[in-house]
C-alpha atoms as a PDB file:
ATOM      1  CA  MET A   1     -96.184 195.232 -44.266  1.00  0.00           C
ATOM      2  CA  GLY A   2     -92.839 194.351 -41.354  1.00  0.00           C
ATOM      3  CA  SER A   3     -94.846 190.404 -41.323  1.00  0.00           C
ATOM      4  CA  CYS A   4     -95.197 190.726 -45.161  1.00  0.00           C
ATOM      5  CA  VAL A   5     -90.837 191.814 -45.612  1.00  0.00           C
ATOM      6  CA  GLY A   6     -90.438 189.606 -43.155  1.00  0.00           C
ATOM      7  CA  VAL A   7     -91.613 186.166 -44.683  1.00  0.00           C
ATOM      8  CA  GLU A   8     -90.773 187.148 -48.221  1.00  0.00           C
ATOM      9  CA  LEU A   9     -86.768 187.435 -46.632  1.00  0.00           C
ATOM     10  CA  GLU A  10     -87.106 183.998 -44.888  1.00  0.00           C
ATOM     11  CA  GLN A  11     -88.261 182.583 -48.418  1.00  0.00           C
ATOM     12  CA  TYR A  12     -85.831 184.183 -50.319  1.00  0.00           C
ATOM     13  CA  LYS A  13     -82.979 182.632 -47.829  1.00  0.00           C
ATOM     14  CA  SER A  14     -84.763 179.736 -48.049  1.00  0.00           C
ATOM     15  CA  ASN A  15     -84.381 179.555 -52.503  1.00  0.00           C
ATOM     16  CA  LEU A  16     -81.674 180.766 -52.071  1.00  0.00           C
ATOM     17  CA  LEU A  17     -80.544 177.465 -49.909  1.00  0.00           C
ATOM     18  CA  GLU A  18     -82.034 174.895 -52.334  1.00  0.00           C
ATOM     19  CA  ARG A  19     -81.144 176.399 -55.677  1.00  0.00           C
ATOM     20  CA  ARG A  20     -77.207 176.593 -54.060  1.00  0.00           C
ATOM     21  CA  LEU A  21     -76.453 173.510 -51.460  1.00  0.00           C
ATOM     22  CA  GLY A  22     -77.531 170.343 -52.904  1.00  0.00           C
ATOM     23  CA  ILE A  23     -75.589 171.377 -56.002  1.00  0.00           C
ATOM     24  CA  VAL A  24     -72.676 172.528 -53.698  1.00  0.00           C
ATOM     25  CA  MET A  25     -72.434 169.603 -51.652  1.00  0.00           C
ATOM     26  CA  VAL A  26     -72.392 167.779 -55.133  1.00  0.00           C
ATOM     27  CA  LEU A  27     -69.073 169.107 -55.956  1.00  0.00           C
ATOM     28  CA  CYS A  28     -67.531 169.023 -52.879  1.00  0.00           C
ATOM     29  CA  MET A  29     -67.772 165.609 -52.197  1.00  0.00           C
ATOM     30  CA  ALA A  30     -66.734 164.453 -56.590  1.00  0.00           C
ATOM     31  CA  VAL A  31     -63.444 167.011 -54.946  1.00  0.00           C
ATOM     32  CA  LEU A  32     -62.907 165.525 -51.250  1.00  0.00           C
ATOM     33  CA  LEU A  33     -63.309 161.915 -53.635  1.00  0.00           C
ATOM     34  CA  THR A  34     -60.874 162.631 -56.266  1.00  0.00           C
ATOM     35  CA  VAL A  35     -58.430 164.252 -54.442  1.00  0.00           C
ATOM     36  CA  LEU A  36     -58.408 160.648 -51.721  1.00  0.00           C
ATOM     37  CA  VAL A  37     -58.093 158.650 -54.342  1.00  0.00           C
ATOM     38  CA  ILE A  38     -55.113 160.323 -55.854  1.00  0.00           C
ATOM     39  CA  ASN A  39     -53.333 161.171 -52.258  1.00  0.00           C
ATOM     40  CA  GLY A  40     -54.294 157.898 -51.165  1.00  0.00           C
ATOM     41  CA  LEU A  41     -52.694 155.721 -54.006  1.00  0.00           C
ATOM     42  CA  PHE A  42     -49.236 157.536 -53.800  1.00  0.00           C
ATOM     43  CA  HIS A  43     -49.271 157.393 -49.537  1.00  0.00           C
ATOM     44  CA  ASP A  44     -50.304 154.105 -49.989  1.00  0.00           C
ATOM     45  CA  ARG A  45     -47.143 152.564 -52.152  1.00  0.00           C
ATOM     46  CA  VAL A  46     -44.926 154.774 -49.205  1.00  0.00           C
ATOM     47  CA  ARG A  47     -47.193 152.481 -46.609  1.00  0.00           C
ATOM     48  CA  ALA A  48     -46.365 149.664 -47.524  1.00  0.00           C
ATOM     49  CA  THR A  49     -42.467 150.032 -48.155  1.00  0.00           C
ATOM     50  CA  THR A  50     -42.262 151.892 -44.815  1.00  0.00           C
ATOM     51  CA  THR A  51     -44.332 149.325 -42.886  1.00  0.00           C
ATOM     52  CA  GLU A  52     -41.989 146.250 -43.999  1.00  0.00           C
ATOM     53  CA  PHE A  53     -38.809 148.664 -43.329  1.00  0.00           C
ATOM     54  CA  ILE A  54     -40.287 149.505 -39.646  1.00  0.00           C
ATOM     55  CA  GLY A  55     -40.162 145.953 -39.046  1.00  0.00           C
ATOM     56  CA  ALA A  56     -37.665 144.588 -40.244  1.00  0.00           C
ATOM     57  CA  ILE A  57     -35.803 147.157 -37.956  1.00  0.00           C
ATOM     58  CA  GLU A  58     -38.223 146.070 -35.395  1.00  0.00           C
ATOM     59  CA  ARG A  59     -36.830 142.620 -35.699  1.00  0.00           C
ATOM     60  CA  GLU A  60     -33.188 143.574 -35.288  1.00  0.00           C
ATOM     61  CA  VAL A  61     -34.004 145.871 -32.485  1.00  0.00           C
ATOM     62  CA  ARG A  62     -35.107 143.024 -30.575  1.00  0.00           C
ATOM     63  CA  LEU A  63     -32.654 141.329 -31.566  1.00  0.00           C
ATOM     64  CA  LEU A  64     -30.212 143.690 -29.580  1.00  0.00           C
ATOM     65  CA  GLN A  65     -32.022 143.526 -27.084  1.00  0.00           C
ATOM     66  CA  GLN A  66     -32.123 139.381 -26.202  1.00  0.00           C
ATOM     67  CA  ASN A  67     -28.442 140.493 -26.402  1.00  0.00           C
ATOM     68  CA  GLU A  68     -28.105 142.597 -24.235  1.00  0.00           C
ATOM     69  CA  ILE A  69     -30.369 140.303 -22.310  1.00  0.00           C
ATOM     70  CA  VAL A  70     -27.840 137.779 -22.179  1.00  0.00           C
ATOM     71  CA  LEU A  71     -25.499 139.628 -21.479  1.00  0.00           C
ATOM     72  CA  PHE A  72     -27.020 141.591 -19.086  1.00  0.00           C
ATOM     73  CA  SER A  73     -27.583 137.519 -17.282  1.00  0.00           C
ATOM     74  CA  ASP A  74     -23.706 136.471 -18.487  1.00  0.00           C
ATOM     75  CA  ASP A  75     -21.082 135.595 -15.520  1.00  0.00           C
ATOM     76  CA  THR A  76     -20.432 139.573 -15.907  1.00  0.00           C
ATOM     77  CA  PHE A  77     -22.319 138.970 -12.779  1.00  0.00           C
ATOM     78  CA  PRO A  78     -21.903 135.712 -11.224  1.00  0.00           C
ATOM     79  CA  THR A  79     -23.192 136.612  -7.719  1.00  0.00           C
ATOM     80  CA  THR A  80     -25.720 138.814  -6.521  1.00  0.00           C
ATOM     81  CA  PRO A  81     -24.967 143.076  -7.334  1.00  0.00           C
ATOM     82  CA  PRO A  82     -24.542 145.645  -4.170  1.00  0.00           C
ATOM     83  CA  ALA A  83     -27.877 146.441  -3.412  1.00  0.00           C
ATOM     84  CA  LYS A  84     -26.226 150.266  -3.554  1.00  0.00           C
ATOM     85  CA  GLU A  85     -25.768 149.790  -6.949  1.00  0.00           C
ATOM     86  CA  VAL A  86     -28.869 148.073  -7.865  1.00  0.00           C
ATOM     87  CA  ALA A  87     -30.644 151.748  -5.418  1.00  0.00           C
ATOM     88  CA  GLU A  88     -29.209 153.702  -8.109  1.00  0.00           C
ATOM     89  CA  GLY A  89     -29.898 152.414 -11.318  1.00  0.00           C
ATOM     90  CA  GLU A  90     -33.913 152.399  -9.771  1.00  0.00           C
ATOM     91  CA  GLU A  91     -32.917 155.819  -8.529  1.00  0.00           C
ATOM     92  CA  ILE A  92     -32.116 156.682 -12.582  1.00  0.00           C
ATOM     93  CA  LEU A  93     -34.824 154.882 -14.116  1.00  0.00           C
ATOM     94  CA  LEU A  94     -37.014 155.951 -11.589  1.00  0.00           C
ATOM     95  CA  ALA A  95     -35.793 159.897 -12.710  1.00  0.00           C
ATOM     96  CA  GLN A  96     -35.724 159.532 -16.465  1.00  0.00           C
ATOM     97  CA  PRO A  97     -39.136 157.815 -16.618  1.00  0.00           C
ATOM     98  CA  ASN A  98     -39.279 158.890 -20.252  1.00  0.00           C
ATOM     99  CA  LEU A  99     -36.030 158.347 -21.857  1.00  0.00           C
ATOM    100  CA  THR A 100     -36.093 158.186 -25.023  1.00  0.00           C
ATOM    101  CA  SER A 101     -34.214 156.087 -27.190  1.00  0.00           C
ATOM    102  CA  ALA A 102     -31.290 156.876 -29.496  1.00  0.00           C
ATOM    103  CA  VAL A 103     -34.134 157.689 -31.661  1.00  0.00           C
ATOM    104  CA  ASP A 104     -33.703 161.217 -31.096  1.00  0.00           C
ATOM    105  CA  GLY A 105     -29.815 161.628 -31.272  1.00  0.00           C
ATOM    106  CA  GLU A 106     -29.108 161.762 -27.514  1.00  0.00           C
ATOM    107  CA  LYS A 107     -27.159 159.282 -25.428  1.00  0.00           C
ATOM    108  CA  GLU A 108     -28.033 159.703 -21.541  1.00  0.00           C
ATOM    109  CA  GLU A 109     -24.453 159.996 -19.383  1.00  0.00           C
ATOM    110  CA  THR A 110     -23.981 158.030 -16.346  1.00  0.00           C
ATOM    111  CA  VAL A 111     -21.693 158.019 -13.956  1.00  0.00           C
ATOM    112  CA  SER A 112     -21.368 155.160 -12.242  1.00  0.00           C
ATOM    113  CA  GLU A 113     -18.250 152.615 -12.157  1.00  0.00           C
ATOM    114  CA  THR A 114     -17.860 149.917 -14.206  1.00  0.00           C
ATOM    115  CA  ASN A 115     -16.439 146.906 -13.489  1.00  0.00           C
ATOM    116  CA  ASN A 116     -12.260 144.888 -13.601  1.00  0.00           C
ATOM    117  CA  ASN A 117     -13.447 143.744 -17.597  1.00  0.00           C
ATOM    118  CA  GLY A 118     -14.491 146.191 -18.563  1.00  0.00           C
ATOM    119  CA  ASN A 119     -17.532 146.188 -19.264  1.00  0.00           C
ATOM    120  CA  LEU A 120     -21.030 147.862 -18.869  1.00  0.00           C
ATOM    121  CA  SER A 121     -22.019 148.342 -14.883  1.00  0.00           C
ATOM    122  CA  LEU A 122     -25.819 147.290 -13.909  1.00  0.00           C
ATOM    123  CA  THR A 123     -26.787 150.665 -14.158  1.00  0.00           C
ATOM    124  CA  GLU A 124     -25.382 151.189 -17.564  1.00  0.00           C
ATOM    125  CA  ARG A 125     -27.488 147.809 -19.361  1.00  0.00           C
ATOM    126  CA  LEU A 126     -30.549 148.609 -16.826  1.00  0.00           C
ATOM    127  CA  LEU A 127     -30.527 151.743 -19.708  1.00  0.00           C
ATOM    128  CA  GLN A 128     -29.435 150.503 -22.285  1.00  0.00           C
ATOM    129  CA  LEU A 129     -32.999 147.931 -21.804  1.00  0.00           C
ATOM    130  CA  ARG A 130     -34.950 150.468 -21.091  1.00  0.00           C
ATOM    131  CA  MET A 131     -33.709 152.372 -24.386  1.00  0.00           C
ATOM    132  CA  ARG A 132     -34.605 149.578 -26.422  1.00  0.00           C
ATOM    133  CA  ALA A 133     -37.957 148.952 -24.579  1.00  0.00           C
ATOM    134  CA  ASN A 134     -38.955 152.565 -25.870  1.00  0.00           C
ATOM    135  CA  GLU A 135     -37.689 151.922 -29.207  1.00  0.00           C
ATOM    136  CA  LEU A 136     -40.116 148.608 -29.646  1.00  0.00           C
ATOM    137  CA  THR A 137     -42.697 150.941 -28.452  1.00  0.00           C
ATOM    138  CA  GLU A 138     -42.036 153.763 -30.457  1.00  0.00           C
ATOM    139  CA  LEU A 139     -41.360 151.599 -33.776  1.00  0.00           C
ATOM    140  CA  ASP A 140     -45.118 150.159 -33.087  1.00  0.00           C
ATOM    141  CA  GLU A 141     -46.649 153.511 -32.935  1.00  0.00           C
ATOM    142  CA  PHE A 142     -44.634 154.791 -36.051  1.00  0.00           C
ATOM    143  CA  ARG A 143     -46.687 151.472 -37.586  1.00  0.00           C
ATOM    144  CA  GLN A 144     -49.333 151.954 -36.074  1.00  0.00           C
ATOM    145  CA  ARG A 145     -49.789 156.201 -37.613  1.00  0.00           C
ATOM    146  CA  PHE A 146     -49.369 154.436 -41.342  1.00  0.00           C
ATOM    147  CA  ALA A 147     -52.030 152.113 -41.045  1.00  0.00           C
ATOM    148  CA  ASP A 148     -54.729 154.270 -39.288  1.00  0.00           C
ATOM    149  CA  THR A 149     -54.237 156.812 -41.628  1.00  0.00           C
ATOM    150  CA  ASP A 150     -54.173 154.215 -44.780  1.00  0.00           C
ATOM    151  CA  VAL A 151     -57.823 152.904 -43.112  1.00  0.00           C
ATOM    152  CA  THR A 152     -58.493 157.370 -42.638  1.00  0.00           C
ATOM    153  CA  ILE A 153     -58.398 157.504 -46.423  1.00  0.00           C
ATOM    154  CA  TRP A 154     -60.142 154.768 -47.890  1.00  0.00           C
ATOM    155  CA  THR A 155     -62.726 154.555 -45.113  1.00  0.00           C
ATOM    156  CA  LEU A 156     -63.358 158.927 -46.017  1.00  0.00           C
ATOM    157  CA  VAL A 157     -63.034 157.373 -49.866  1.00  0.00           C
ATOM    158  CA  LEU A 158     -66.305 154.835 -49.620  1.00  0.00           C
ATOM    159  CA  LEU A 159     -68.255 157.896 -47.185  1.00  0.00           C
ATOM    160  CA  ASN A 160     -67.488 160.183 -50.699  1.00  0.00           C
ATOM    161  CA  LEU A 161     -68.938 157.683 -53.433  1.00  0.00           C
ATOM    162  CA  LEU A 162     -71.926 156.749 -50.872  1.00  0.00           C
ATOM    163  CA  GLY A 163     -73.108 160.351 -50.158  1.00  0.00           C
ATOM    164  CA  LEU A 164     -72.350 161.151 -54.111  1.00  0.00           C
ATOM    165  CA  ILE A 165     -74.409 157.944 -55.399  1.00  0.00           C
ATOM    166  CA  VAL A 166     -77.426 159.309 -52.890  1.00  0.00           C
ATOM    167  CA  MET A 167     -76.788 162.982 -54.129  1.00  0.00           C
ATOM    168  CA  VAL A 168     -76.551 163.020 -57.340  1.00  0.00           C
ATOM    169  CA  PRO A 169     -80.085 161.285 -58.149  1.00  0.00           C
ATOM    170  CA  SER A 170     -81.611 162.795 -55.127  1.00  0.00           C
ATOM    171  CA  THR A 171     -80.280 166.269 -56.564  1.00  0.00           C
ATOM    172  CA  CYS A 172     -81.677 166.445 -59.392  1.00  0.00           C
ATOM    173  CA  ARG A 173     -85.359 164.488 -58.734  1.00  0.00           C
ATOM    174  CA  PHE A 174     -86.228 165.967 -55.023  1.00  0.00           C
ATOM    175  CA  TRP A 175     -84.589 168.915 -54.073  1.00  0.00           C
ATOM    176  CA  LEU A 176     -86.613 171.043 -55.054  1.00  0.00           C
ATOM    177  CA  GLN A 177     -89.642 169.411 -55.573  1.00  0.00           C
ATOM    178  CA  ASN A 178     -90.250 166.922 -52.664  1.00  0.00           C
ATOM    179  CA  TYR A 179     -89.753 169.335 -48.689  1.00  0.00           C
ATOM    180  CA  GLY A 180     -90.211 166.348 -46.604  1.00  0.00           C
ATOM    181  CA  ALA A 181     -86.789 164.574 -48.757  1.00  0.00           C
ATOM    182  CA  GLN A 182     -85.039 167.053 -49.109  1.00  0.00           C
ATOM    183  CA  THR A 183     -85.052 167.762 -45.199  1.00  0.00           C
ATOM    184  CA  ILE A 184     -84.331 163.789 -44.101  1.00  0.00           C
ATOM    185  CA  LEU A 185     -81.835 163.962 -46.865  1.00  0.00           C
ATOM    186  CA  LEU A 186     -79.669 167.024 -45.881  1.00  0.00           C
ATOM    187  CA  VAL A 187     -80.005 165.797 -42.330  1.00  0.00           C
ATOM    188  CA  LEU A 188     -78.292 163.233 -43.691  1.00  0.00           C
ATOM    189  CA  LEU A 189     -75.883 164.721 -45.426  1.00  0.00           C
ATOM    190  CA  VAL A 190     -74.828 167.267 -42.308  1.00  0.00           C
ATOM    191  CA  LEU A 191     -74.222 163.978 -40.738  1.00  0.00           C
ATOM    192  CA  LEU A 192     -71.580 162.961 -43.274  1.00  0.00           C
ATOM    193  CA  LEU A 193     -70.054 165.813 -43.631  1.00  0.00           C
ATOM    194  CA  LEU A 194     -69.256 166.469 -39.167  1.00  0.00           C
ATOM    195  CA  VAL A 195     -68.202 163.070 -39.454  1.00  0.00           C
ATOM    196  CA  GLN A 196     -66.126 163.849 -42.425  1.00  0.00           C
ATOM    197  CA  LEU A 197     -64.502 166.437 -40.022  1.00  0.00           C
ATOM    198  CA  VAL A 198     -63.627 164.550 -37.413  1.00  0.00           C
ATOM    199  CA  LEU A 199     -61.552 161.796 -39.562  1.00  0.00           C
ATOM    200  CA  LEU A 200     -59.864 164.231 -41.264  1.00  0.00           C
ATOM    201  CA  LEU A 201     -58.641 165.825 -38.422  1.00  0.00           C
ATOM    202  CA  SER A 202     -57.064 162.474 -36.608  1.00  0.00           C
ATOM    203  CA  LEU A 203     -55.463 162.813 -40.630  1.00  0.00           C
ATOM    204  CA  LEU A 204     -54.037 166.276 -40.005  1.00  0.00           C
ATOM    205  CA  ASP A 205     -52.015 165.023 -36.546  1.00  0.00           C
ATOM    206  CA  ASN A 206     -50.846 162.256 -38.264  1.00  0.00           C
ATOM    207  CA  ALA A 207     -49.596 163.984 -41.761  1.00  0.00           C
ATOM    208  CA  SER A 208     -47.701 166.584 -39.424  1.00  0.00           C
ATOM    209  CA  ASN A 209     -46.083 163.472 -37.796  1.00  0.00           C
ATOM    210  CA  PHE A 210     -44.829 161.512 -41.162  1.00  0.00           C
ATOM    211  CA  PRO A 211     -42.070 163.449 -42.136  1.00  0.00           C
ATOM    212  CA  PRO A 212     -40.468 163.366 -38.798  1.00  0.00           C
ATOM    213  CA  ILE A 213     -40.951 160.175 -39.107  1.00  0.00           C
ATOM    214  CA  VAL A 214     -39.515 159.414 -41.780  1.00  0.00           C
ATOM    215  CA  ASP A 215     -36.538 161.327 -40.864  1.00  0.00           C
ATOM    216  CA  LYS A 216     -35.733 159.320 -37.156  1.00  0.00           C
ATOM    217  CA  LEU A 217     -36.154 155.747 -39.534  1.00  0.00           C
ATOM    218  CA  PHE A 218     -33.704 156.771 -41.481  1.00  0.00           C
ATOM    219  CA  ASP A 219     -31.449 159.078 -39.894  1.00  0.00           C
ATOM    220  CA  THR A 220     -31.012 157.155 -36.513  1.00  0.00           C
ATOM    221  CA  TYR A 221     -33.011 153.500 -36.663  1.00  0.00           C
ATOM    222  CA  LEU A 222     -30.532 152.864 -39.182  1.00  0.00           C
ATOM    223  CA  THR A 223     -27.602 153.934 -37.655  1.00  0.00           C
ATOM    224  CA  GLU A 224     -28.037 151.347 -35.003  1.00  0.00           C
ATOM    225  CA  VAL A 225     -28.298 147.845 -38.062  1.00  0.00           C
ATOM    226  CA  SER A 226     -24.907 146.229 -38.339  1.00  0.00           C
ATOM    227  CA  GLU A 227     -23.458 147.528 -41.403  1.00  0.00           C
ATOM    228  CA  ASP A 228     -23.495 143.849 -42.901  1.00  0.00           C
ATOM    229  CA  LYS A 229     -27.872 143.678 -43.088  1.00  0.00           C
ATOM    230  CA  ILE A 230     -28.126 147.371 -44.100  1.00  0.00           C
ATOM    231  CA  GLY A 231     -27.960 146.833 -47.792  1.00  0.00           C
ATOM    232  CA  HIS A 232     -30.647 143.836 -46.816  1.00  0.00           C
ATOM    233  CA  LEU A 233     -33.033 146.223 -45.742  1.00  0.00           C
ATOM    234  CA  ILE A 234     -32.158 149.202 -48.003  1.00  0.00           C
ATOM    235  CA  GLU A 235     -32.641 147.394 -51.046  1.00  0.00           C
ATOM    236  CA  PRO A 236     -36.421 146.993 -50.860  1.00  0.00           C
ATOM    237  CA  ILE A 237     -36.933 150.910 -51.215  1.00  0.00           C
ATOM    238  CA  GLU A 238     -34.426 151.765 -53.286  1.00  0.00           C
ATOM    239  CA  ASP A 239     -35.631 149.621 -55.453  1.00  0.00           C
ATOM    240  CA  GLN A 240     -39.237 151.323 -55.075  1.00  0.00           C
ATOM    241  CA  PHE A 241     -38.747 154.624 -55.440  1.00  0.00           C
ATOM    242  CA  SER A 242     -35.200 154.332 -57.908  1.00  0.00           C
ATOM    243  CA  CYS A 243     -33.379 156.655 -55.358  1.00  0.00           C
ATOM    244  CA  LYS A 244     -30.210 156.174 -52.942  1.00  0.00           C
ATOM    245  CA  ILE A 245     -30.596 156.474 -49.201  1.00  0.00           C
ATOM    246  CA  ARG A 246     -26.999 156.924 -49.280  1.00  0.00           C
ATOM    247  CA  VAL A 247     -26.379 159.135 -52.329  1.00  0.00           C
ATOM    248  CA  GLU A 248     -22.534 157.805 -53.380  1.00  0.00           C
ATOM    249  CA  HIS A 249     -21.408 161.382 -54.420  1.00  0.00           C
ATOM    250  CA  GLU A 250     -22.535 165.023 -53.892  1.00  0.00           C
ATOM    251  CA  LEU A 251     -22.269 165.690 -57.520  1.00  0.00           C
ATOM    252  CA  LEU A 252     -24.498 162.553 -58.890  1.00  0.00           C
ATOM    253  CA  GLU A 253     -27.102 164.222 -57.111  1.00  0.00           C
ATOM    254  CA  ARG A 254     -26.272 167.719 -58.258  1.00  0.00           C
ATOM    255  CA  TYR A 255     -26.186 167.014 -61.890  1.00  0.00           C
ATOM    256  CA  GLY A 256     -29.523 164.897 -60.978  1.00  0.00           C
ATOM    257  CA  LEU A 257     -28.160 160.895 -61.426  1.00  0.00           C
ATOM    258  CA  GLN A 258     -28.870 159.771 -58.231  1.00  0.00           C
ATOM    259  CA  GLU A 259     -31.523 161.075 -55.650  1.00  0.00           C
ATOM    260  CA  LYS A 260     -32.094 160.764 -51.944  1.00  0.00           C
ATOM    261  CA  CYS A 261     -34.639 158.331 -51.658  1.00  0.00           C
ATOM    262  CA  VAL A 262     -36.190 160.396 -48.208  1.00  0.00           C
ATOM    263  CA  PRO A 263     -37.661 163.374 -49.492  1.00  0.00           C
ATOM    264  CA  LYS A 264     -39.023 160.983 -52.335  1.00  0.00           C
ATOM    265  CA  MET A 265     -41.101 159.116 -49.533  1.00  0.00           C
ATOM    266  CA  LYS A 266     -42.142 162.451 -48.278  1.00  0.00           C
ATOM    267  CA  ASP A 267     -43.460 163.781 -51.724  1.00  0.00           C
ATOM    268  CA  ARG A 268     -45.155 160.592 -52.234  1.00  0.00           C
ATOM    269  CA  LEU A 269     -46.922 160.593 -48.214  1.00  0.00           C
ATOM    270  CA  LEU A 270     -49.829 162.282 -47.346  1.00  0.00           C
ATOM    271  CA  ALA A 271     -49.562 165.645 -46.976  1.00  0.00           C
ATOM    272  CA  PRO A 272     -50.545 168.120 -43.943  1.00  0.00           C
ATOM    273  CA  TYR A 273     -51.348 171.416 -46.375  1.00  0.00           C
ATOM    274  CA  ILE A 274     -53.351 168.343 -48.481  1.00  0.00           C
ATOM    275  CA  VAL A 275     -55.775 167.382 -45.437  1.00  0.00           C
ATOM    276  CA  SER A 276     -56.243 171.377 -44.858  1.00  0.00           C
ATOM    277  CA  PHE A 277     -57.440 172.106 -48.078  1.00  0.00           C
ATOM    278  CA  LEU A 278     -59.255 168.408 -47.474  1.00  0.00           C
ATOM    279  CA  ILE A 279     -60.911 170.086 -44.099  1.00  0.00           C
ATOM    280  CA  LEU A 280     -61.625 173.663 -46.122  1.00  0.00           C
ATOM    281  CA  VAL A 281     -63.645 172.043 -48.749  1.00  0.00           C
ATOM    282  CA  THR A 282     -65.618 170.028 -46.442  1.00  0.00           C
ATOM    283  CA  ILE A 283     -66.405 172.815 -43.673  1.00  0.00           C
ATOM    284  CA  PHE A 284     -67.468 174.654 -47.478  1.00  0.00           C
ATOM    285  CA  PRO A 285     -71.217 174.246 -47.571  1.00  0.00           C
ATOM    286  CA  PHE A 286     -71.936 174.970 -43.862  1.00  0.00           C
ATOM    287  CA  ILE A 287     -69.660 178.552 -44.466  1.00  0.00           C
ATOM    288  CA  LEU A 288     -72.169 178.747 -47.003  1.00  0.00           C
ATOM    289  CA  THR A 289     -75.776 178.363 -46.010  1.00  0.00           C
ATOM    290  CA  ILE A 290     -74.381 180.869 -42.490  1.00  0.00           C
ATOM    291  CA  PHE A 291     -73.605 182.929 -45.493  1.00  0.00           C
ATOM    292  CA  THR A 292     -76.842 182.955 -47.071  1.00  0.00           C
ATOM    293  CA  CYS A 293     -78.524 183.077 -43.937  1.00  0.00           C
ATOM    294  CA  LEU A 294     -76.478 186.139 -43.035  1.00  0.00           C
ATOM    295  CA  TRP A 295     -75.996 187.304 -46.544  1.00  0.00           C
ATOM    296  CA  PRO A 296     -80.132 190.019 -45.935  1.00  0.00           C
ATOM    297  CA  LYS A 297     -79.766 191.123 -42.901  1.00  0.00           C
ATOM    298  CA  ASN A 298     -76.025 191.319 -41.762  1.00  0.00           C
ATOM    299  CA  ILE A 299     -74.351 191.729 -44.491  1.00  0.00           C
ATOM    300  CA  GLN A 300     -76.446 193.574 -47.456  1.00  0.00           C
ATOM    301  CA  ILE A 301     -76.306 196.067 -45.101  1.00  0.00           C
ATOM    302  CA  LEU A 302     -73.204 196.729 -44.746  1.00  0.00           C
ATOM    303  CA  ALA A 303     -71.293 200.421 -45.518  1.00  0.00           C
ATOM    304  CA  PRO A 304     -69.415 199.062 -48.403  1.00  0.00           C
ATOM    305  CA  ILE A 305     -71.866 196.675 -49.775  1.00  0.00           C
ATOM    306  CA  GLU A 306     -74.076 199.322 -49.569  1.00  0.00           C
ATOM    307  CA  LYS A 307     -72.577 201.611 -51.629  1.00  0.00           C
ATOM    308  CA  ALA A 308     -71.809 199.242 -54.223  1.00  0.00           C
ATOM    309  CA  HIS A 309     -75.418 198.313 -54.741  1.00  0.00           C
ATOM    310  CA  ARG A 310     -76.286 201.838 -55.282  1.00  0.00           C
ATOM    311  CA  LYS A 311     -73.834 202.567 -57.680  1.00  0.00           C
ATOM    312  CA  VAL A 312     -75.104 199.530 -59.867  1.00  0.00           C
ATOM    313  CA  GLN A 313     -78.878 200.637 -59.464  1.00  0.00           C
ATOM    314  CA  PHE A 314     -77.824 204.138 -60.071  1.00  0.00           C
ATOM    315  CA  PHE A 315     -75.685 202.860 -63.612  1.00  0.00           C
ATOM    316  CA  PRO A 316     -78.392 199.953 -64.602  1.00  0.00           C
ATOM    317  CA  ASP A 317     -76.854 200.017 -68.455  1.00  0.00           C
ATOM    318  CA  GLU A 318     -73.903 200.858 -68.121  1.00  0.00           C
ATOM    319  CA  GLU A 319     -71.961 197.587 -69.256  1.00  0.00           C
ATOM    320  CA  ARG A 320     -74.621 196.522 -72.005  1.00  0.00           C
END
């Protein structure tokens, strides 16, 4: 008797999975594909414009770096600087291996003396050169994040499209008929969902960093560019999004006559809550599988569920 009940229980769980899992996977992939395409198109517009802006800022920073290198090697120090001053500069650089640039709004204060001509001392020039190097490294990281996100989004789109192409006919034709084909298909789809989950987790990290990246680009890096070049840099962005990097007057913004570009760009970038939603959709088939397997033995026997089940059985025709 017990063995028969066990066999019936396993058959019950198997039938539930066979009936539901294929359809659920198709729906999940359709949702993933739709959300990724819509958000990918919006994100791609901002990515292209922002990447061009990062490249322009990077060229300006390199120009500043080259000028500072020339000044460092200029007639300011016609002779070899004293060993004591060189040692001071090396100690400060070693004590600050993670020296950030003006991106973080922090300017390092040095106590070294300036020379008689009022130029920067050796220590200050070394700090300035290190600062420029860190700025270039950070800008390259920003550009790489945008590029990686774009590649990941469209890779996920292709994976979901491929999954749907396989799943729709397979669900209709084989899911309830051919057990061998069903098992192979299920294994492939599980692997596909796991790959997507890994890619989405990497997207979550990038999406969380985009808002502070945009803030740094316009609030800090743009201030290092000379005023006569700023207009040339921000003009493509303002034309693209019909906005202003610098609103001319507060009243114009208040009455909707001008909009700031930074909030509009952030709204179009891939948001963390969108990626979190996609992760939940991706793991939903696994949650359904676990719930279906646990329902007969573990969940159905819980006191509140048993009580509700008895009430339904006691009044079977109440709702008729």
